[in-house]
Protein backbone atom coordinates (compact mmCIF):
# COMPACT_ATOMS: atom_id res chain seq x y z
CA MET A 1 0.00 0.00 0.00
CA ASP A 2 1.42 3.38 -1.02
CA LEU A 3 1.67 5.94 1.72
CA PRO A 4 -0.22 9.18 1.06
CA THR A 5 1.60 12.46 0.51
CA PRO A 6 0.72 15.69 2.31
CA GLU A 7 -0.70 16.98 -1.00
CA GLN A 8 -3.01 13.95 -1.25
CA ILE A 9 -4.22 14.45 2.33
CA LYS A 10 -4.97 18.08 1.43
CA GLU A 11 -6.93 16.94 -1.63
CA TYR A 12 -8.90 14.34 0.36
CA ILE A 13 -9.96 16.97 2.92
CA ALA A 14 -10.76 19.63 0.30
CA ALA A 15 -12.94 17.18 -1.62
CA GLN A 16 -15.24 16.76 1.39
CA LEU A 17 -15.02 20.05 3.30
CA SER A 18 -15.44 23.59 2.04
CA CYS A 19 -12.08 25.08 3.03
CA GLU A 20 -10.54 28.50 2.63
CA HIS A 21 -7.07 27.29 3.61
CA ILE A 22 -5.44 23.90 4.13
CA ASP A 23 -1.80 23.25 4.92
CA VAL A 24 -0.59 19.68 5.46
CA GLU A 25 2.89 18.52 6.40
CA GLY A 26 4.02 14.99 7.13
CA ASP A 27 6.22 12.01 6.47
CA GLY A 28 3.74 9.58 4.91
CA GLN A 29 2.25 8.19 8.12
CA HIS A 30 2.19 11.09 10.57
CA PHE A 31 0.68 14.38 9.47
CA TYR A 32 0.04 17.85 10.81
CA ALA A 33 -2.74 19.94 9.25
CA THR A 34 -4.03 23.49 9.57
CA ILE A 35 -7.58 23.69 8.22
CA VAL A 36 -9.74 26.80 7.82
CA SER A 37 -13.38 26.18 6.99
CA PRO A 38 -16.58 28.19 7.34
CA SER A 39 -18.29 24.89 8.19
CA PHE A 40 -16.48 24.96 11.56
CA GLU A 41 -18.53 27.99 12.63
CA GLY A 42 -20.28 27.24 15.94
CA GLN A 43 -18.54 23.86 16.35
CA ARG A 44 -16.35 22.79 19.24
CA ALA A 45 -12.89 21.36 18.55
CA VAL A 46 -14.03 17.73 18.80
CA ALA A 47 -16.80 18.25 16.23
CA ARG A 48 -14.32 19.90 13.88
CA GLN A 49 -11.93 16.96 14.23
CA ARG A 50 -14.74 14.50 13.56
CA ALA A 51 -15.60 16.40 10.37
CA VAL A 52 -11.99 16.11 9.18
CA TYR A 53 -11.85 12.40 10.10
CA ALA A 54 -15.10 11.87 8.22
CA ALA A 55 -13.59 13.61 5.18
CA LEU A 56 -10.66 11.20 5.30
CA GLY A 57 -12.94 8.20 5.88
CA GLU A 58 -11.34 4.78 5.56
CA ARG A 59 -7.94 6.37 4.92
CA ILE A 60 -7.74 7.15 8.64
CA LEU A 61 -10.53 5.19 10.31
CA GLY A 62 -10.50 1.89 8.44
CA SER A 63 -8.79 -1.38 9.32
CA ASN A 64 -6.34 -0.74 6.46
CA ALA A 65 -5.82 2.93 7.31
CA GLN A 66 -3.02 4.65 5.39
CA ILE A 67 -2.83 7.58 7.82
CA HIS A 68 -1.64 6.56 11.26
CA ALA A 69 -1.58 9.95 12.96
CA LEU A 70 -3.05 13.33 12.16
CA SER A 71 -2.60 16.34 14.41
CA MET A 72 -4.66 19.32 13.40
CA LYS A 73 -5.53 22.89 14.16
CA THR A 74 -8.95 23.92 12.91
CA TYR A 75 -10.17 27.47 12.48
CA THR A 76 -13.15 29.38 11.20
CA PRO A 77 -12.21 32.13 8.72
CA SER A 78 -12.55 34.81 11.43
CA GLU A 79 -10.43 32.78 13.90
CA TRP A 80 -7.80 32.30 11.18
CA ALA A 81 -7.75 36.03 10.42
CA ALA A 82 -7.23 36.77 14.12
CA GLU A 83 -4.47 34.13 14.30
CA GLN A 84 -2.70 35.66 11.29
CA ALA A 85 -2.91 39.13 12.83
CA LYS A 86 -0.96 38.04 15.92
């Protein structure tokens, strides 16, 4: 099984979530993502993470998961703007 690239992870998330910004770094098994989506508005961190996991589906949750670890920071567009202004 080929290990996914950070670019592929980005594409998988973008295909399922409306995102204004996605940055993914990683080594093929362990990834770190920054995701900005208006769909996160009004959601707590755990709900945002579940939405990202759902976007990745079997790639992260299945018995043959390609992605073994994903750390993420999730922001709404306004939270991201405030973060960038710091």
